[in-house]
Structure formats: C-alpha cells, structure tokens
Amino acid sequence: MIENSDNTYYLKSNERIISFYIDQFKDSSFHIRHLENLRATYLAFFFTVVFGSLTAITNLVKDINLENIS
C-alpha cells in the first residue's frame, strides 16, 4: 500500500484492478445463477404443459374405435 500525505492508504493500481475484476466476477456469477434458475422454471412449466396436453389427448384418442372409420 502507498501512504498518502493525509495518512490515508490507497491500493496499488494492480490491486485495485484485481479487486475490480473479482467484484465483477461475483456480480456476473450471481446474474448467471439467476438466469439458470429462470431457465429451469420455464422448462419445468413447458414440460408440465406438454405432458398435461399429451395426457388429455391420449384420453380423447383412446375412446375412438378405429374399426368404424372408413
């Protein structure tokens, strides 16, 4: 650290740059984690709708008698 004339300490420029990048990494990892949680929620909703629709369609189709269709 470098001491200033008014007895305050300043980080060296390399230490400030490293500190800046570490803070940026922490922020970006939080943002990415949020996006991954959002993606998982959307995928869960999508597959819930798909499987629910397939169940409803299967219940409708199983009652159709194929022998009477000409």
Protein backbone atom coordinates (compact mmCIF):
# COMPACT_ATOMS: atom_id res chain seq x y z
CA MET A 1 0.00 0.00 0.00
CA ILE A 2 1.07 3.55 -0.62
CA GLU A 3 0.69 6.10 2.11
CA ASN A 4 -0.69 9.49 1.11
CA SER A 5 0.22 12.76 2.80
CA ASP A 6 -3.05 12.84 4.79
CA ASN A 7 -2.38 9.36 6.24
CA THR A 8 -4.93 7.57 4.02
CA TYR A 9 -3.95 4.41 2.27
CA TYR A 10 -4.54 3.67 -1.37
CA LEU A 11 -4.31 0.33 -3.02
CA LYS A 12 -1.75 -0.07 -5.74
CA SER A 13 -3.20 0.05 -9.22
CA ASN A 14 -2.77 -3.72 -9.74
CA GLU A 15 -4.58 -4.48 -6.51
CA ARG A 16 -7.41 -2.16 -7.46
CA ILE A 17 -7.72 -3.81 -10.87
CA ILE A 18 -7.77 -7.29 -9.33
CA SER A 19 -10.34 -6.18 -6.78
CA PHE A 20 -12.47 -4.71 -9.58
CA TYR A 21 -12.38 -7.95 -11.59
CA ILE A 22 -13.22 -10.05 -8.55
CA ASP A 23 -16.26 -7.86 -7.86
CA GLN A 24 -17.31 -8.10 -11.50
CA PHE A 25 -16.98 -11.88 -11.41
CA LYS A 26 -19.14 -12.10 -8.29
CA ASP A 27 -21.82 -9.94 -9.92
CA SER A 28 -21.75 -11.91 -13.16
CA SER A 29 -21.94 -15.26 -11.38
CA PHE A 30 -24.98 -14.01 -9.44
CA HIS A 31 -26.60 -12.90 -12.73
CA ILE A 32 -25.84 -16.22 -14.42
CA ARG A 33 -27.24 -18.14 -11.44
CA HIS A 34 -30.43 -16.10 -11.68
CA LEU A 35 -30.75 -16.84 -15.40
CA GLU A 36 -30.21 -20.56 -14.81
CA ASN A 37 -32.95 -20.61 -12.18
CA LEU A 38 -35.26 -18.76 -14.57
CA ARG A 39 -34.49 -21.20 -17.38
CA ALA A 40 -35.17 -24.18 -15.13
CA THR A 41 -38.52 -22.69 -14.11
CA TYR A 42 -39.55 -22.09 -17.73
CA LEU A 43 -38.51 -25.59 -18.76
CA ALA A 44 -40.45 -27.13 -15.89
CA PHE A 45 -43.55 -25.16 -16.91
CA PHE A 46 -43.09 -26.13 -20.58
CA PHE A 47 -42.82 -29.85 -19.83
CA THR A 48 -45.76 -29.66 -17.44
CA VAL A 49 -47.89 -28.22 -20.26
CA VAL A 50 -46.58 -30.78 -22.78
CA PHE A 51 -47.22 -33.80 -20.56
CA GLY A 52 -50.61 -32.46 -19.48
CA SER A 53 -51.60 -31.95 -23.11
CA LEU A 54 -50.42 -35.42 -24.07
CA THR A 55 -52.45 -36.92 -21.24
CA ALA A 56 -55.58 -35.08 -22.33
CA ILE A 57 -55.09 -36.04 -26.00
CA THR A 58 -54.44 -39.68 -25.04
CA ASN A 59 -57.67 -39.80 -23.06
CA LEU A 60 -59.59 -38.42 -26.04
CA VAL A 61 -57.97 -40.71 -28.62
CA LYS A 62 -58.22 -43.99 -26.68
CA ASP A 63 -62.03 -43.90 -26.92
CA ILE A 64 -62.03 -43.73 -30.73
CA ASN A 65 -62.98 -47.01 -32.35
CA LEU A 66 -60.81 -47.45 -35.44
CA GLU A 67 -62.98 -50.22 -36.91
CA ASN A 68 -65.85 -47.79 -37.62
CA ILE A 69 -63.66 -45.32 -39.53
CA SER A 70 -63.91 -45.81 -43.30
